[in-house]
Amino acid sequence: MIEVLGSGCSKCRSTIGIIERAAQASGVEVQIVKVGSPDEIKRSGVRATPAVRIDGKVVHAAAFPHTRKYKPG
């Protein structure tokens, strides 16, 4: 499961779109969950959003993710 942590601002929404487009381009189905609870975000250890958590592990925080960074290869 992929979680996008943030308040719901335009950067958070754009991050969700980036993930959706990258998954679609790769032919991969993903489940994206929006986490907006300030308490949950604090518990995750994230200090800046948007952040991306995959299977419980924070893999990105504080900016737009770059799809090149996460492609296998």
N, C-alpha and C. Protein backbone atom coordinates (compact mmCIF):
# COMPACT_ATOMS: atom_id res chain seq x y z
N MET A 1 0.84 -1.18 0.00
CA MET A 1 0.00 0.00 0.00
C MET A 1 0.88 1.24 0.00
N ILE A 2 0.47 2.24 -0.76
CA ILE A 2 1.18 3.51 -0.81
C ILE A 2 0.33 4.55 -0.08
N GLU A 3 0.96 5.27 0.82
CA GLU A 3 0.27 6.32 1.56
C GLU A 3 0.94 7.66 1.25
N VAL A 4 0.12 8.67 1.01
CA VAL A 4 0.63 10.03 0.85
C VAL A 4 0.21 10.80 2.08
N LEU A 5 1.20 11.28 2.81
CA LEU A 5 0.95 12.00 4.05
C LEU A 5 1.00 13.49 3.80
N GLY A 6 -0.03 14.19 4.25
CA GLY A 6 -0.05 15.64 4.09
C GLY A 6 -1.43 16.20 4.37
N SER A 7 -1.50 17.51 4.36
CA SER A 7 -2.72 18.21 4.75
C SER A 7 -3.80 18.22 3.67
N GLY A 8 -3.45 17.83 2.47
CA GLY A 8 -4.40 17.90 1.36
C GLY A 8 -4.14 19.10 0.48
N CYS A 9 -3.01 19.73 0.63
CA CYS A 9 -2.65 20.89 -0.17
C CYS A 9 -2.41 20.49 -1.62
N SER A 10 -2.16 21.46 -2.47
CA SER A 10 -1.96 21.17 -3.89
C SER A 10 -0.73 20.28 -4.11
N LYS A 11 0.31 20.42 -3.29
CA LYS A 11 1.50 19.57 -3.44
C LYS A 11 1.17 18.12 -3.11
N CYS A 12 0.33 17.91 -2.12
CA CYS A 12 -0.08 16.54 -1.76
C CYS A 12 -0.91 15.93 -2.89
N ARG A 13 -1.84 16.70 -3.43
CA ARG A 13 -2.67 16.20 -4.53
C ARG A 13 -1.82 15.92 -5.76
N SER A 14 -0.85 16.78 -6.03
CA SER A 14 0.05 16.56 -7.17
C SER A 14 0.90 15.31 -6.97
N THR A 15 1.32 15.06 -5.74
CA THR A 15 2.10 13.87 -5.43
C THR A 15 1.30 12.61 -5.73
N ILE A 16 0.02 12.62 -5.37
CA ILE A 16 -0.85 11.48 -5.67
C ILE A 16 -0.92 11.29 -7.17
N GLY A 17 -1.08 12.38 -7.92
CA GLY A 17 -1.14 12.29 -9.38
C GLY A 17 0.14 11.74 -9.99
N ILE A 18 1.28 12.16 -9.47
CA ILE A 18 2.57 11.66 -9.96
C ILE A 18 2.66 10.15 -9.76
N ILE A 19 2.27 9.69 -8.59
CA ILE A 19 2.32 8.26 -8.30
C ILE A 19 1.36 7.50 -9.21
N GLU A 20 0.15 8.02 -9.37
CA GLU A 20 -0.83 7.36 -10.23
C GLU A 20 -0.34 7.25 -11.67
N ARG A 21 0.23 8.34 -12.20
CA ARG A 21 0.73 8.31 -13.58
C ARG A 21 1.92 7.36 -13.74
N ALA A 22 2.81 7.35 -12.76
CA ALA A 22 3.97 6.44 -12.83
C ALA A 22 3.52 4.98 -12.79
N ALA A 23 2.55 4.69 -11.95
CA ALA A 23 2.04 3.32 -11.85
C ALA A 23 1.35 2.92 -13.15
N GLN A 24 0.54 3.82 -13.69
CA GLN A 24 -0.16 3.53 -14.94
C GLN A 24 0.83 3.31 -16.08
N ALA A 25 1.84 4.14 -16.17
CA ALA A 25 2.85 4.01 -17.22
C ALA A 25 3.62 2.69 -17.10
N SER A 26 3.74 2.20 -15.88
CA SER A 26 4.45 0.94 -15.64
C SER A 26 3.54 -0.27 -15.71
N GLY A 27 2.24 -0.02 -15.84
CA GLY A 27 1.28 -1.13 -15.89
C GLY A 27 1.07 -1.80 -14.55
N VAL A 28 1.26 -1.03 -13.48
CA VAL A 28 1.15 -1.56 -12.13
C VAL A 28 -0.09 -0.98 -11.45
N GLU A 29 -0.87 -1.83 -10.81
CA GLU A 29 -2.00 -1.34 -10.02
C GLU A 29 -1.51 -0.99 -8.63
N VAL A 30 -1.93 0.17 -8.15
CA VAL A 30 -1.55 0.59 -6.80
C VAL A 30 -2.77 1.04 -6.04
N GLN A 31 -2.68 0.90 -4.74
CA GLN A 31 -3.70 1.44 -3.84
C GLN A 31 -3.05 2.60 -3.12
N ILE A 32 -3.58 3.80 -3.31
CA ILE A 32 -3.04 4.99 -2.68
C ILE A 32 -4.02 5.46 -1.62
N VAL A 33 -3.51 5.65 -0.41
CA VAL A 33 -4.32 6.11 0.71
C VAL A 33 -3.79 7.47 1.13
N LYS A 34 -4.69 8.43 1.30
CA LYS A 34 -4.33 9.76 1.76
C LYS A 34 -4.38 9.77 3.28
N VAL A 35 -3.29 10.19 3.91
CA VAL A 35 -3.21 10.31 5.36
C VAL A 35 -3.11 11.79 5.70
N GLY A 36 -4.17 12.34 6.27
CA GLY A 36 -4.19 13.77 6.57
C GLY A 36 -4.16 14.09 8.05
N SER A 37 -4.26 13.08 8.89
CA SER A 37 -4.29 13.31 10.33
C SER A 37 -2.94 13.83 10.82
N PRO A 38 -2.92 15.02 11.42
CA PRO A 38 -1.65 15.55 11.94
C PRO A 38 -1.00 14.60 12.95
N ASP A 39 -1.81 13.92 13.76
CA ASP A 39 -1.24 12.98 14.75
C ASP A 39 -0.56 11.80 14.06
N GLU A 40 -1.20 11.27 13.02
CA GLU A 40 -0.61 10.14 12.29
C GLU A 40 0.67 10.57 11.57
N ILE A 41 0.66 11.75 11.01
CA ILE A 41 1.85 12.27 10.32
C ILE A 41 2.99 12.42 11.32
N LYS A 42 2.71 12.96 12.50
CA LYS A 42 3.75 13.12 13.54
C LYS A 42 4.28 11.77 13.99
N ARG A 43 3.37 10.79 14.17
CA ARG A 43 3.81 9.45 14.60
C ARG A 43 4.72 8.78 13.58
N SER A 44 4.57 9.15 12.31
CA SER A 44 5.39 8.54 11.27
C SER A 44 6.81 9.11 11.27
N GLY A 45 7.01 10.22 12.00
CA GLY A 45 8.34 10.83 12.05
C GLY A 45 8.59 11.84 10.94
N VAL A 46 7.58 12.09 10.12
CA VAL A 46 7.72 13.03 9.01
C VAL A 46 7.65 14.45 9.55
N ARG A 47 8.59 15.27 9.13
CA ARG A 47 8.61 16.67 9.56
C ARG A 47 8.11 17.61 8.49
N ALA A 48 8.15 17.17 7.23
CA ALA A 48 7.70 18.02 6.13
C ALA A 48 6.90 17.18 5.15
N THR A 49 5.83 17.76 4.64
CA THR A 49 4.98 17.06 3.70
C THR A 49 4.99 17.79 2.37
N PRO A 50 4.60 17.12 1.30
CA PRO A 50 4.05 15.78 1.25
C PRO A 50 5.12 14.72 1.47
N ALA A 51 4.68 13.61 2.01
CA ALA A 51 5.57 12.48 2.22
C ALA A 51 4.90 11.23 1.64
N VAL A 52 5.72 10.28 1.27
CA VAL A 52 5.22 9.03 0.71
C VAL A 52 5.72 7.88 1.57
N ARG A 53 4.79 7.02 1.94
CA ARG A 53 5.12 5.84 2.74
C ARG A 53 4.65 4.61 1.97
N ILE A 54 5.56 3.66 1.79
CA ILE A 54 5.24 2.42 1.10
C ILE A 54 5.43 1.27 2.07
N ASP A 55 4.36 0.49 2.25
CA ASP A 55 4.37 -0.63 3.18
C ASP A 55 4.92 -0.23 4.55
N GLY A 56 4.51 0.96 5.01
CA GLY A 56 4.87 1.41 6.35
C GLY A 56 6.20 2.13 6.46
N LYS A 57 6.97 2.20 5.37
CA LYS A 57 8.29 2.84 5.41
C LYS A 57 8.24 4.16 4.64
N VAL A 58 8.67 5.25 5.27
CA VAL A 58 8.72 6.54 4.60
C VAL A 58 9.86 6.50 3.58
N VAL A 59 9.49 6.73 2.31
CA VAL A 59 10.49 6.67 1.24
C VAL A 59 10.77 8.03 0.62
N HIS A 60 9.95 9.02 0.97
CA HIS A 60 10.14 10.35 0.40
C HIS A 60 9.42 11.38 1.26
N ALA A 61 10.01 12.56 1.39
CA ALA A 61 9.35 13.62 2.13
C ALA A 61 9.81 14.99 1.64
N ALA A 62 8.91 15.96 1.76
CA ALA A 62 9.18 17.39 1.63
C ALA A 62 9.24 17.95 0.22
N ALA A 63 8.96 17.19 -0.80
CA ALA A 63 8.97 17.72 -2.16
C ALA A 63 8.24 16.76 -3.07
N PHE A 64 8.16 17.14 -4.34
CA PHE A 64 7.55 16.23 -5.30
C PHE A 64 8.49 15.05 -5.56
N PRO A 65 7.97 13.84 -5.58
CA PRO A 65 8.83 12.70 -5.91
C PRO A 65 9.19 12.70 -7.39
N HIS A 66 10.37 12.23 -7.70
CA HIS A 66 10.82 12.09 -9.09
C HIS A 66 10.69 10.63 -9.48
N THR A 67 9.96 10.36 -10.54
CA THR A 67 9.71 8.97 -10.92
C THR A 67 11.01 8.26 -11.30
N ARG A 68 11.98 8.96 -11.84
CA ARG A 68 13.26 8.32 -12.20
C ARG A 68 13.91 7.66 -10.99
N LYS A 69 13.76 8.27 -9.84
CA LYS A 69 14.40 7.79 -8.62
C LYS A 69 13.91 6.41 -8.20
N TYR A 70 12.67 6.07 -8.54
CA TYR A 70 12.08 4.85 -8.02
C TYR A 70 11.97 3.73 -9.05
N LYS A 71 12.40 4.00 -10.28
CA LYS A 71 12.31 2.94 -11.28
C LYS A 71 13.42 1.93 -11.05
N PRO A 72 13.09 0.64 -11.14
CA PRO A 72 14.12 -0.38 -10.96
C PRO A 72 15.13 -0.33 -12.10
N GLY A 73 16.35 -0.69 -11.77
CA GLY A 73 17.18 -0.74 -12.88
C GLY A 73 18.55 -0.61 -12.97
